[in-house]
C-alpha atoms as a PDB file:
ATOM      1  CA  MET A   1      27.585   5.714   0.433  1.00  0.00           C
ATOM      2  CA  GLN A   2      26.362   6.254   3.965  1.00  0.00           C
ATOM      3  CA  GLU A   3      24.292   3.659   5.841  1.00  0.00           C
ATOM      4  CA  SER A   4      21.319   4.540   7.974  1.00  0.00           C
ATOM      5  CA  PRO A   5      22.200   5.611  11.519  1.00  0.00           C
ATOM      6  CA  TYR A   6      19.298   3.437  12.716  1.00  0.00           C
ATOM      7  CA  LYS A   7      20.900   0.173  11.569  1.00  0.00           C
ATOM      8  CA  GLY A   8      22.818  -0.271  14.855  1.00  0.00           C
ATOM      9  CA  LYS A   9      19.689  -0.385  17.031  1.00  0.00           C
ATOM     10  CA  THR A  10      18.628  -3.784  18.312  1.00  0.00           C
ATOM     11  CA  GLY A  11      15.879  -5.368  20.358  1.00  0.00           C
ATOM     12  CA  LEU A  12      12.953  -3.332  21.627  1.00  0.00           C
ATOM     13  CA  ARG A  13      14.610  -0.071  20.616  1.00  0.00           C
ATOM     14  CA  SER A  14      14.829  -1.286  17.018  1.00  0.00           C
ATOM     15  CA  LEU A  15      11.194  -2.409  17.058  1.00  0.00           C
ATOM     16  CA  LEU A  16       9.976   0.908  18.446  1.00  0.00           C
ATOM     17  CA  ASN A  17      12.056   2.793  15.892  1.00  0.00           C
ATOM     18  CA  ALA A  18      10.628   0.670  13.062  1.00  0.00           C
ATOM     19  CA  ILE A  19       7.083   1.299  14.261  1.00  0.00           C
ATOM     20  CA  SER A  20       7.752   5.039  14.481  1.00  0.00           C
ATOM     21  CA  LEU A  21       9.179   5.107  10.953  1.00  0.00           C
ATOM     22  CA  SER A  22       6.213   3.088   9.665  1.00  0.00           C
ATOM     23  CA  PHE A  23       3.715   5.559  11.112  1.00  0.00           C
ATOM     24  CA  SER A  24       5.771   8.403   9.668  1.00  0.00           C
ATOM     25  CA  GLY A  25       5.586   6.740   6.243  1.00  0.00           C
ATOM     26  CA  LEU A  26       1.832   6.246   6.506  1.00  0.00           C
ATOM     27  CA  ALA A  27       1.358   9.878   7.524  1.00  0.00           C
ATOM     28  CA  SER A  28       3.575  11.069   4.686  1.00  0.00           C
ATOM     29  CA  ALA A  29       1.690   8.979   2.137  1.00  0.00           C
ATOM     30  CA  PHE A  30      -1.652  10.209   3.438  1.00  0.00           C
ATOM     31  CA  ARG A  31      -0.493  13.823   3.388  1.00  0.00           C
ATOM     32  CA  ASN A  32       1.173  13.740  -0.047  1.00  0.00           C
ATOM     33  CA  GLU A  33      -0.580  11.076  -2.127  1.00  0.00           C
ATOM     34  CA  GLU A  34      -4.136  11.716  -3.324  1.00  0.00           C
ATOM     35  CA  ALA A  35      -4.587   8.133  -4.541  1.00  0.00           C
ATOM     36  CA  PHE A  36      -3.549   6.772  -1.130  1.00  0.00           C
ATOM     37  CA  ARG A  37      -6.077   9.041   0.606  1.00  0.00           C
ATOM     38  CA  GLN A  38      -8.822   7.812  -1.728  1.00  0.00           C
ATOM     39  CA  GLU A  39      -7.878   4.186  -1.137  1.00  0.00           C
ATOM     40  CA  VAL A  40      -7.786   4.697   2.652  1.00  0.00           C
ATOM     41  CA  LEU A  41     -11.308   6.123   2.482  1.00  0.00           C
ATOM     42  CA  LEU A  42     -12.388   3.130   0.400  1.00  0.00           C
ATOM     43  CA  ALA A  43     -10.757   0.801   2.954  1.00  0.00           C
ATOM     44  CA  LEU A  44     -12.592   2.552   5.802  1.00  0.00           C
ATOM     45  CA  VAL A  45     -15.826   1.511   4.096  1.00  0.00           C
ATOM     46  CA  LEU A  46     -14.848  -1.901   2.707  1.00  0.00           C
ATOM     47  CA  VAL A  47     -12.997  -3.386   5.693  1.00  0.00           C
ATOM     48  CA  PRO A  48     -15.973  -3.132   8.085  1.00  0.00           C
ATOM     49  CA  LEU A  49     -18.288  -4.202   5.253  1.00  0.00           C
ATOM     50  CA  GLY A  50     -16.098  -7.234   4.559  1.00  0.00           C
ATOM     51  CA  LEU A  51     -16.129  -8.187   8.229  1.00  0.00           C
ATOM     52  CA  TRP A  52     -19.906  -7.893   8.260  1.00  0.00           C
ATOM     53  CA  LEU A  53     -20.630  -9.625   4.922  1.00  0.00           C
ATOM     54  CA  GLY A  54     -18.052 -12.389   5.116  1.00  0.00           C
ATOM     55  CA  GLU A  55     -19.445 -15.714   6.278  1.00  0.00           C
ATOM     56  CA  GLY A  56     -16.726 -17.362   8.305  1.00  0.00           C
ATOM     57  CA  GLY A  57     -13.169 -16.446   9.084  1.00  0.00           C
ATOM     58  CA  ILE A  58     -11.702 -17.338   5.709  1.00  0.00           C
ATOM     59  CA  ALA A  59     -14.215 -15.260   3.777  1.00  0.00           C
ATOM     60  CA  LYS A  60     -13.689 -12.293   6.113  1.00  0.00           C
ATOM     61  CA  ALA A  61      -9.915 -12.638   5.827  1.00  0.00           C
ATOM     62  CA  LEU A  62     -10.056 -12.726   2.026  1.00  0.00           C
ATOM     63  CA  LEU A  63     -12.304  -9.676   1.814  1.00  0.00           C
ATOM     64  CA  VAL A  64     -10.223  -7.612   4.243  1.00  0.00           C
ATOM     65  CA  ALA A  65      -6.818  -8.777   2.947  1.00  0.00           C
ATOM     66  CA  SER A  66      -7.699  -7.931  -0.651  1.00  0.00           C
ATOM     67  CA  VAL A  67      -8.483  -4.353   0.408  1.00  0.00           C
ATOM     68  CA  LEU A  68      -5.357  -4.000   2.561  1.00  0.00           C
ATOM     69  CA  LEU A  69      -3.272  -5.309  -0.336  1.00  0.00           C
ATOM     70  CA  VAL A  70      -4.328  -2.255  -2.359  1.00  0.00           C
ATOM     71  CA  LEU A  71      -2.901   0.008   0.350  1.00  0.00           C
ATOM     72  CA  VAL A  72       0.362  -1.946   0.448  1.00  0.00           C
ATOM     73  CA  VAL A  73       0.778  -1.805  -3.326  1.00  0.00           C
ATOM     74  CA  GLU A  74      -0.074   1.905  -3.391  1.00  0.00           C
ATOM     75  CA  LEU A  75       2.569   2.586  -0.734  1.00  0.00           C
ATOM     76  CA  LEU A  76       5.175   0.699  -2.777  1.00  0.00           C
ATOM     77  CA  ASN A  77       4.110   2.523  -5.939  1.00  0.00           C
ATOM     78  CA  SER A  78       4.395   5.876  -4.161  1.00  0.00           C
ATOM     79  CA  ALA A  79       7.857   4.921  -2.897  1.00  0.00           C
ATOM     80  CA  VAL A  80       8.992   4.044  -6.433  1.00  0.00           C
ATOM     81  CA  GLU A  81       7.611   7.325  -7.763  1.00  0.00           C
ATOM     82  CA  ALA A  82       9.333   9.331  -5.016  1.00  0.00           C
ATOM     83  CA  ALA A  83      12.651   7.580  -5.641  1.00  0.00           C
ATOM     84  CA  VAL A  84      12.401   8.139  -9.401  1.00  0.00           C
ATOM     85  CA  ASP A  85      11.551  11.810  -8.883  1.00  0.00           C
ATOM     86  CA  ARG A  86      14.430  12.139  -6.401  1.00  0.00           C
ATOM     87  CA  VAL A  87      16.882  10.952  -9.029  1.00  0.00           C
ATOM     88  CA  SER A  88      15.582  13.270 -11.727  1.00  0.00           C
ATOM     89  CA  LEU A  89      12.467  15.115 -12.804  1.00  0.00           C
ATOM     90  CA  ASP A  90      13.584  14.897 -16.438  1.00  0.00           C
ATOM     91  CA  HIS A  91      11.440  12.807 -18.761  1.00  0.00           C
ATOM     92  CA  HIS A  92      13.184   9.489 -19.330  1.00  0.00           C
ATOM     93  CA  ARG A  93      11.829   6.261 -20.766  1.00  0.00           C
ATOM     94  CA  LEU A  94      13.071   4.204 -17.795  1.00  0.00           C
ATOM     95  CA  SER A  95      11.467   6.605 -15.317  1.00  0.00           C
ATOM     96  CA  LYS A  96       8.210   6.333 -17.247  1.00  0.00           C
ATOM     97  CA  ARG A  97       8.509   2.552 -17.326  1.00  0.00           C
ATOM     98  CA  ALA A  98       9.061   2.361 -13.547  1.00  0.00           C
ATOM     99  CA  LYS A  99       6.093   4.620 -12.836  1.00  0.00           C
ATOM    100  CA  ASP A 100       3.847   2.829 -15.343  1.00  0.00           C
ATOM    101  CA  ILE A 101       4.717  -0.582 -13.876  1.00  0.00           C
ATOM    102  CA  GLY A 102       3.930   0.696 -10.374  1.00  0.00           C
ATOM    103  CA  SER A 103       0.622   2.033 -11.630  1.00  0.00           C
ATOM    104  CA  ALA A 104      -0.137  -1.312 -13.276  1.00  0.00           C
ATOM    105  CA  ALA A 105       0.522  -3.067  -9.953  1.00  0.00           C
ATOM    106  CA  VAL A 106      -2.007  -0.799  -8.221  1.00  0.00           C
ATOM    107  CA  PHE A 107      -4.519  -1.460 -10.997  1.00  0.00           C
ATOM    108  CA  LEU A 108      -4.096  -5.225 -10.658  1.00  0.00           C
ATOM    109  CA  SER A 109      -4.554  -5.006  -6.890  1.00  0.00           C
ATOM    110  CA  LEU A 110      -7.838  -3.164  -7.487  1.00  0.00           C
ATOM    111  CA  VAL A 111      -8.917  -5.827  -9.989  1.00  0.00           C
ATOM    112  CA  ASN A 112      -8.019  -8.389  -7.326  1.00  0.00           C
ATOM    113  CA  VAL A 113     -10.415  -6.685  -4.883  1.00  0.00           C
ATOM    114  CA  ALA A 114     -13.242  -6.884  -7.408  1.00  0.00           C
ATOM    115  CA  VAL A 115     -12.549 -10.549  -8.230  1.00  0.00           C
ATOM    116  CA  VAL A 116     -12.147 -11.662  -4.601  1.00  0.00           C
ATOM    117  CA  TRP A 117     -15.261  -9.816  -3.460  1.00  0.00           C
ATOM    118  CA  ALA A 118     -17.302 -11.218  -6.367  1.00  0.00           C
ATOM    119  CA  LEU A 119     -16.115 -14.778  -5.765  1.00  0.00           C
ATOM    120  CA  VAL A 120     -16.629 -14.634  -2.009  1.00  0.00           C
ATOM    121  CA  LEU A 121     -19.976 -12.855  -2.016  1.00  0.00           C
ATOM    122  CA  LEU A 122     -21.568 -14.300  -5.156  1.00  0.00           C
ATOM    123  CA  ALA A 123     -20.356 -17.896  -5.081  1.00  0.00           C
END
C-alpha cells in the first residue's frame, strides 16, 4: 500500500497544502453532490438569519453551529458513499448498510437543526 506523497510536508507548506486540499474537497462536493448543494443554499439563508435572530453570542453560536454541522455530516456521508462506490458498484448488504447509516447521520443532523432552532428561538 502506498502512502500519500503529501505526508512528508511540514510547517507552513503542510498547512497550505491542507487548505488547498480542503477547498478542492468542498468544490468537488459542491460539483458532484446535489444534497450538499441544497444544504449549502440552506446554510446561505440560515447562517445570516441565525446571526440576526440569535440573542447573545451563545444563541448565535448554537444556531450557526447546528447548520454548519449538517454540512460537515453531509461531507462525511458523501466521502463514505464515494469510498463504497470505489470498492464496488455491486449491490451488497454491507455497502447498503454503510450508505444507510451515513444517510441516517445526515437526517439526525437536520433534526438537530430543527431542535436547536426551536429551543433557542422559542424558549
